Amino acid sequence: MDPRIYNSAKTFSAKNFDPKILLQAKPSRSDPWAKAEAWRYTGPFTRWNRFKGSFPGLGIATVAFAGYCVYEHLFLKEDHHH
């Protein structure tokens, strides 16, 4: 079947659909929306910039907790255990 048949809504039906034709079709080399979507992945909208403010204070809290664990282990030892 000719792939141009699938472009017409009048001639399309499930009976004459052949998925092999779709697999043989070569994708276009240029994306018409590439320029319109380029801003989404650059500048302030990069993946790092979108998620770096998701957990404010997590770094400080992690360091404080680790410091407390070290302090407890070194200086607050109990002599008797149950």
C-alpha atoms as a PDB file:
ATOM      1  CA  MET A   1       0.000   0.000   0.000  1.00  0.00           C
ATOM      2  CA  ASP A   2       1.075   3.523  -0.660  1.00  0.00           C
ATOM      3  CA  PRO A   3       1.783   5.550   2.552  1.00  0.00           C
ATOM      4  CA  ARG A   4      -0.076   8.512   1.047  1.00  0.00           C
ATOM      5  CA  ILE A   5      -3.299   6.577   1.534  1.00  0.00           C
ATOM      6  CA  TYR A   6      -3.024   7.022   5.308  1.00  0.00           C
ATOM      7  CA  ASN A   7      -2.970  10.807   5.001  1.00  0.00           C
ATOM      8  CA  SER A   8      -6.528  10.908   3.767  1.00  0.00           C
ATOM      9  CA  ALA A   9      -9.219  10.559   6.429  1.00  0.00           C
ATOM     10  CA  LYS A  10     -11.734   9.383   3.838  1.00  0.00           C
ATOM     11  CA  THR A  11      -9.837   6.262   2.856  1.00  0.00           C
ATOM     12  CA  PHE A  12      -8.601   5.213   6.284  1.00  0.00           C
ATOM     13  CA  SER A  13     -10.097   2.122   7.855  1.00  0.00           C
ATOM     14  CA  ALA A  14      -8.821  -0.578  10.167  1.00  0.00           C
ATOM     15  CA  LYS A  15      -9.050  -3.117   7.348  1.00  0.00           C
ATOM     16  CA  ASN A  16      -6.456  -1.476   5.120  1.00  0.00           C
ATOM     17  CA  PHE A  17      -4.093  -0.394   7.919  1.00  0.00           C
ATOM     18  CA  ASP A  18      -0.594  -1.837   7.606  1.00  0.00           C
ATOM     19  CA  PRO A  19       1.839  -0.983  10.450  1.00  0.00           C
ATOM     20  CA  LYS A  20       4.822  -2.024   8.318  1.00  0.00           C
ATOM     21  CA  ILE A  21       4.257   1.048   6.150  1.00  0.00           C
ATOM     22  CA  LEU A  22       4.520   3.285   9.213  1.00  0.00           C
ATOM     23  CA  LEU A  23       7.751   1.604  10.302  1.00  0.00           C
ATOM     24  CA  GLN A  24       9.253   2.108   6.860  1.00  0.00           C
ATOM     25  CA  ALA A  25       8.477   5.814   6.824  1.00  0.00           C
ATOM     26  CA  LYS A  26      11.573   7.884   7.523  1.00  0.00           C
ATOM     27  CA  PRO A  27      11.264  10.611  10.145  1.00  0.00           C
ATOM     28  CA  SER A  28      11.766  14.163   8.960  1.00  0.00           C
ATOM     29  CA  ARG A  29      15.161  15.668   9.655  1.00  0.00           C
ATOM     30  CA  SER A  30      13.886  18.985  10.912  1.00  0.00           C
ATOM     31  CA  ASP A  31      11.489  19.529  13.751  1.00  0.00           C
ATOM     32  CA  PRO A  32       9.213  22.485  13.002  1.00  0.00           C
ATOM     33  CA  TRP A  33       8.719  23.100  16.752  1.00  0.00           C
ATOM     34  CA  ALA A  34      12.409  22.908  17.722  1.00  0.00           C
ATOM     35  CA  LYS A  35      12.861  26.686  17.948  1.00  0.00           C
ATOM     36  CA  ALA A  36       9.602  27.126  19.815  1.00  0.00           C
ATOM     37  CA  GLU A  37      10.600  24.588  22.476  1.00  0.00           C
ATOM     38  CA  ALA A  38      14.305  25.427  22.765  1.00  0.00           C
ATOM     39  CA  TRP A  39      13.684  27.989  25.524  1.00  0.00           C
ATOM     40  CA  ARG A  40      12.288  25.253  27.772  1.00  0.00           C
ATOM     41  CA  TYR A  41      15.698  23.623  28.207  1.00  0.00           C
ATOM     42  CA  THR A  42      18.041  26.617  28.407  1.00  0.00           C
ATOM     43  CA  GLY A  43      18.840  29.361  30.890  1.00  0.00           C
ATOM     44  CA  PRO A  44      16.676  29.419  33.999  1.00  0.00           C
ATOM     45  CA  PHE A  45      14.644  26.472  32.753  1.00  0.00           C
ATOM     46  CA  THR A  46      17.395  23.838  32.704  1.00  0.00           C
ATOM     47  CA  ARG A  47      16.716  20.700  34.716  1.00  0.00           C
ATOM     48  CA  TRP A  48      19.191  21.733  37.431  1.00  0.00           C
ATOM     49  CA  ASN A  49      17.718  25.211  37.800  1.00  0.00           C
ATOM     50  CA  ARG A  50      14.155  23.878  38.002  1.00  0.00           C
ATOM     51  CA  PHE A  51      14.913  21.445  40.840  1.00  0.00           C
ATOM     52  CA  LYS A  52      17.689  23.102  42.832  1.00  0.00           C
ATOM     53  CA  GLY A  53      15.197  24.999  44.990  1.00  0.00           C
ATOM     54  CA  SER A  54      13.008  21.968  45.673  1.00  0.00           C
ATOM     55  CA  PHE A  55      14.574  21.167  49.056  1.00  0.00           C
ATOM     56  CA  PRO A  56      15.712  24.402  50.677  1.00  0.00           C
ATOM     57  CA  GLY A  57      17.822  23.842  53.774  1.00  0.00           C
ATOM     58  CA  LEU A  58      18.432  20.160  53.097  1.00  0.00           C
ATOM     59  CA  GLY A  59      22.214  20.626  52.840  1.00  0.00           C
ATOM     60  CA  ILE A  60      22.456  22.580  56.092  1.00  0.00           C
ATOM     61  CA  ALA A  61      20.187  20.112  57.885  1.00  0.00           C
ATOM     62  CA  THR A  62      22.244  17.147  56.682  1.00  0.00           C
ATOM     63  CA  VAL A  63      25.496  18.691  57.932  1.00  0.00           C
ATOM     64  CA  ALA A  64      23.915  19.628  61.275  1.00  0.00           C
ATOM     65  CA  PHE A  65      22.526  16.117  61.756  1.00  0.00           C
ATOM     66  CA  ALA A  66      25.861  14.503  60.889  1.00  0.00           C
ATOM     67  CA  GLY A  67      27.620  16.835  63.329  1.00  0.00           C
ATOM     68  CA  TYR A  68      25.166  15.939  66.084  1.00  0.00           C
ATOM     69  CA  CYS A  69      25.649  12.207  65.436  1.00  0.00           C
ATOM     70  CA  VAL A  70      29.428  12.597  65.722  1.00  0.00           C
ATOM     71  CA  TYR A  71      29.053  14.649  68.936  1.00  0.00           C
ATOM     72  CA  GLU A  72      26.706  12.054  70.445  1.00  0.00           C
ATOM     73  CA  HIS A  73      29.007   9.175  69.540  1.00  0.00           C
ATOM     74  CA  LEU A  74      32.150  10.809  70.943  1.00  0.00           C
ATOM     75  CA  PHE A  75      30.950  12.719  74.016  1.00  0.00           C
ATOM     76  CA  LEU A  76      27.628  11.315  75.236  1.00  0.00           C
ATOM     77  CA  LYS A  77      28.500   7.701  75.994  1.00  0.00           C
ATOM     78  CA  GLU A  78      26.486   5.950  78.676  1.00  0.00           C
ATOM     79  CA  ASP A  79      28.260   3.540  81.000  1.00  0.00           C
ATOM     80  CA  HIS A  80      25.351   1.166  81.636  1.00  0.00           C
ATOM     81  CA  HIS A  81      23.151  -0.413  79.015  1.00  0.00           C
ATOM     82  CA  HIS A  82      19.939  -2.321  79.529  1.00  0.00           C
END
